[in-house]
Amino acid sequence: MQSYNWVLTTDWMYVSPRTQEDYENEGQRVAVNSTGMVGLLLAKSHEQADFIEQVGPSNILAYVGSPWPPRQN
């Protein structure tokens, strides 16, 4: 079953398929919700913010997201 993140504004709607709910590595976990998929990754601590910066936001989004167009088998 495919999961999605969904964002709705007064001007546009964005639906993003995802393969994971979070990114986990080196004992750190970063949950990625709809705000993350539009570029706003939220950190709960300075340590987590440093981890996001070290890994790179685009790497985190690439991990949890689903490629477009979908890969054909």
N, C-alpha and C. Protein backbone atom coordinates (compact mmCIF):
# COMPACT_ATOMS: atom_id res chain seq x y z
N MET A 1 0.85 -1.18 0.00
CA MET A 1 0.00 0.00 0.00
C MET A 1 0.89 1.24 0.00
N GLN A 2 0.58 2.18 -0.86
CA GLN A 2 1.35 3.41 -0.99
C GLN A 2 0.88 4.45 0.03
N SER A 3 1.82 5.14 0.68
CA SER A 3 1.50 6.24 1.58
C SER A 3 1.79 7.56 0.88
N TYR A 4 1.11 8.61 1.30
CA TYR A 4 1.27 9.92 0.68
C TYR A 4 1.37 11.02 1.73
N ASN A 5 2.04 12.09 1.36
CA ASN A 5 1.97 13.34 2.10
C ASN A 5 1.17 14.29 1.23
N TRP A 6 0.33 15.10 1.86
CA TRP A 6 -0.60 15.94 1.13
C TRP A 6 -0.56 17.36 1.69
N VAL A 7 -0.44 18.34 0.80
CA VAL A 7 -0.42 19.75 1.19
C VAL A 7 -1.46 20.49 0.36
N LEU A 8 -2.24 21.34 0.99
CA LEU A 8 -3.27 22.11 0.30
C LEU A 8 -3.14 23.57 0.73
N THR A 9 -3.05 24.47 -0.24
CA THR A 9 -3.07 25.90 0.04
C THR A 9 -4.24 26.50 -0.74
N THR A 10 -4.40 27.79 -0.66
CA THR A 10 -5.47 28.43 -1.43
C THR A 10 -5.14 28.49 -2.91
N ASP A 11 -3.86 28.27 -3.26
CA ASP A 11 -3.44 28.37 -4.66
C ASP A 11 -3.11 27.03 -5.33
N TRP A 12 -2.72 26.03 -4.55
CA TRP A 12 -2.30 24.77 -5.16
C TRP A 12 -2.44 23.60 -4.20
N MET A 13 -2.36 22.40 -4.77
CA MET A 13 -2.40 21.17 -4.00
C MET A 13 -1.19 20.34 -4.41
N TYR A 14 -0.56 19.69 -3.42
CA TYR A 14 0.64 18.88 -3.67
C TYR A 14 0.45 17.53 -2.98
N VAL A 15 0.54 16.46 -3.76
CA VAL A 15 0.45 15.11 -3.23
C VAL A 15 1.76 14.41 -3.56
N SER A 16 2.43 13.93 -2.53
CA SER A 16 3.74 13.33 -2.70
C SER A 16 3.75 11.90 -2.17
N PRO A 17 3.97 10.92 -3.05
CA PRO A 17 4.07 9.54 -2.55
C PRO A 17 5.36 9.37 -1.76
N ARG A 18 5.33 8.47 -0.79
CA ARG A 18 6.53 8.21 0.00
C ARG A 18 6.69 6.72 0.23
N THR A 19 7.92 6.32 0.45
CA THR A 19 8.21 4.91 0.72
C THR A 19 8.49 4.67 2.20
N GLN A 20 8.85 5.73 2.93
CA GLN A 20 9.16 5.65 4.36
C GLN A 20 8.51 6.84 5.07
N GLU A 21 8.25 6.70 6.36
CA GLU A 21 7.73 7.81 7.15
C GLU A 21 8.83 8.65 7.76
N ASP A 22 10.04 8.08 7.84
CA ASP A 22 11.13 8.81 8.47
C ASP A 22 12.47 8.34 7.94
N TYR A 23 13.49 9.11 8.29
CA TYR A 23 14.86 8.77 7.95
C TYR A 23 15.56 8.44 9.25
N GLU A 24 16.19 7.29 9.30
CA GLU A 24 16.86 6.88 10.53
C GLU A 24 18.27 6.40 10.20
N ASN A 25 19.26 6.96 10.94
CA ASN A 25 20.66 6.60 10.73
C ASN A 25 21.46 7.13 11.91
N GLU A 26 22.51 6.43 12.28
CA GLU A 26 23.42 6.86 13.35
C GLU A 26 22.69 7.19 14.66
N GLY A 27 21.63 6.45 14.95
CA GLY A 27 20.89 6.66 16.19
C GLY A 27 19.97 7.87 16.17
N GLN A 28 19.87 8.54 15.05
CA GLN A 28 18.99 9.71 14.91
C GLN A 28 17.80 9.32 14.03
N ARG A 29 16.66 9.90 14.34
CA ARG A 29 15.45 9.68 13.54
C ARG A 29 14.85 11.04 13.20
N VAL A 30 14.58 11.24 11.91
CA VAL A 30 13.94 12.47 11.45
C VAL A 30 12.62 12.09 10.79
N ALA A 31 11.52 12.47 11.41
CA ALA A 31 10.20 12.22 10.83
C ALA A 31 9.98 13.22 9.70
N VAL A 32 9.47 12.74 8.59
CA VAL A 32 9.23 13.61 7.44
C VAL A 32 7.73 13.58 7.13
N ASN A 33 7.07 14.70 7.42
CA ASN A 33 5.65 14.81 7.13
C ASN A 33 5.46 15.72 5.91
N SER A 34 4.27 16.21 5.71
CA SER A 34 3.99 17.04 4.53
C SER A 34 4.83 18.30 4.48
N THR A 35 5.08 18.92 5.63
CA THR A 35 5.91 20.13 5.61
C THR A 35 7.33 19.81 5.16
N GLY A 36 7.82 18.63 5.53
CA GLY A 36 9.15 18.22 5.09
C GLY A 36 9.21 18.02 3.60
N MET A 37 8.16 17.45 3.01
CA MET A 37 8.16 17.19 1.59
C MET A 37 8.12 18.46 0.74
N VAL A 38 7.71 19.57 1.33
CA VAL A 38 7.76 20.85 0.60
C VAL A 38 8.97 21.68 1.03
N GLY A 39 9.90 21.05 1.76
CA GLY A 39 11.16 21.70 2.05
C GLY A 39 11.38 22.22 3.45
N LEU A 40 10.47 21.94 4.38
CA LEU A 40 10.62 22.42 5.75
C LEU A 40 10.76 21.23 6.68
N LEU A 41 12.00 20.77 6.84
CA LEU A 41 12.27 19.67 7.77
C LEU A 41 12.38 20.24 9.17
N LEU A 42 11.58 19.72 10.09
CA LEU A 42 11.53 20.24 11.45
C LEU A 42 12.40 19.41 12.37
N ALA A 43 13.18 20.08 13.19
CA ALA A 43 14.07 19.42 14.15
C ALA A 43 13.57 19.68 15.56
N LYS A 44 13.67 18.67 16.41
CA LYS A 44 13.23 18.80 17.80
C LYS A 44 14.35 19.24 18.74
N SER A 45 15.58 19.30 18.23
CA SER A 45 16.72 19.71 19.05
C SER A 45 17.82 20.25 18.15
N HIS A 46 18.79 20.90 18.77
CA HIS A 46 19.95 21.38 18.01
C HIS A 46 20.74 20.21 17.45
N GLU A 47 20.80 19.12 18.21
CA GLU A 47 21.50 17.92 17.75
C GLU A 47 20.85 17.36 16.49
N GLN A 48 19.53 17.32 16.49
CA GLN A 48 18.83 16.81 15.31
C GLN A 48 18.99 17.77 14.13
N ALA A 49 18.97 19.06 14.37
CA ALA A 49 19.19 20.03 13.29
C ALA A 49 20.58 19.86 12.69
N ASP A 50 21.58 19.65 13.53
CA ASP A 50 22.94 19.40 13.04
C ASP A 50 22.99 18.12 12.20
N PHE A 51 22.26 17.09 12.64
CA PHE A 51 22.21 15.83 11.91
C PHE A 51 21.58 16.04 10.53
N ILE A 52 20.48 16.78 10.46
CA ILE A 52 19.83 17.07 9.18
C ILE A 52 20.78 17.81 8.25
N GLU A 53 21.49 18.77 8.80
CA GLU A 53 22.45 19.53 7.99
C GLU A 53 23.59 18.63 7.51
N GLN A 54 24.06 17.73 8.36
CA GLN A 54 25.17 16.83 8.01
C GLN A 54 24.75 15.87 6.90
N VAL A 55 23.58 15.26 7.03
CA VAL A 55 23.10 14.29 6.04
C VAL A 55 22.70 15.00 4.75
N GLY A 56 22.09 16.16 4.89
CA GLY A 56 21.61 16.92 3.74
C GLY A 56 20.12 16.71 3.55
N PRO A 57 19.35 17.79 3.58
CA PRO A 57 17.89 17.68 3.42
C PRO A 57 17.48 16.94 2.15
N SER A 58 18.15 17.19 1.05
CA SER A 58 17.77 16.52 -0.20
C SER A 58 18.01 15.01 -0.12
N ASN A 59 19.03 14.58 0.60
CA ASN A 59 19.28 13.15 0.78
C ASN A 59 18.18 12.50 1.62
N ILE A 60 17.73 13.21 2.63
CA ILE A 60 16.64 12.70 3.48
C ILE A 60 15.36 12.58 2.66
N LEU A 61 15.04 13.61 1.89
CA LEU A 61 13.83 13.58 1.07
C LEU A 61 13.90 12.51 0.00
N ALA A 62 15.07 12.33 -0.60
CA ALA A 62 15.24 11.28 -1.61
C ALA A 62 15.02 9.90 -1.00
N TYR A 63 15.42 9.72 0.24
CA TYR A 63 15.26 8.43 0.92
C TYR A 63 13.79 8.11 1.19
N VAL A 64 13.04 9.09 1.70
CA VAL A 64 11.65 8.82 2.07
C VAL A 64 10.69 8.95 0.90
N GLY A 65 11.08 9.71 -0.11
CA GLY A 65 10.19 9.94 -1.24
C GLY A 65 10.15 8.79 -2.23
N SER A 66 9.27 8.95 -3.17
CA SER A 66 9.12 7.97 -4.24
C SER A 66 9.48 8.65 -5.56
N PRO A 67 10.33 8.04 -6.38
CA PRO A 67 10.75 8.71 -7.62
C PRO A 67 9.60 8.96 -8.58
N TRP A 68 9.75 10.03 -9.35
CA TRP A 68 8.74 10.34 -10.37
C TRP A 68 9.45 10.58 -11.67
N PRO A 69 9.08 9.95 -12.74
CA PRO A 69 7.98 8.99 -12.79
C PRO A 69 8.36 7.70 -12.08
N PRO A 70 7.34 6.95 -11.66
CA PRO A 70 7.61 5.69 -10.96
C PRO A 70 8.48 4.76 -11.81
N ARG A 71 9.34 4.02 -11.16
CA ARG A 71 10.17 3.05 -11.87
C ARG A 71 9.32 1.90 -12.39
N GLN A 72 9.59 1.51 -13.61
CA GLN A 72 8.89 0.36 -14.20
C GLN A 72 9.74 -0.88 -14.04
N ASN A 73 9.16 -1.96 -13.60
CA ASN A 73 9.90 -3.23 -13.45
C ASN A 73 9.97 -3.98 -14.74
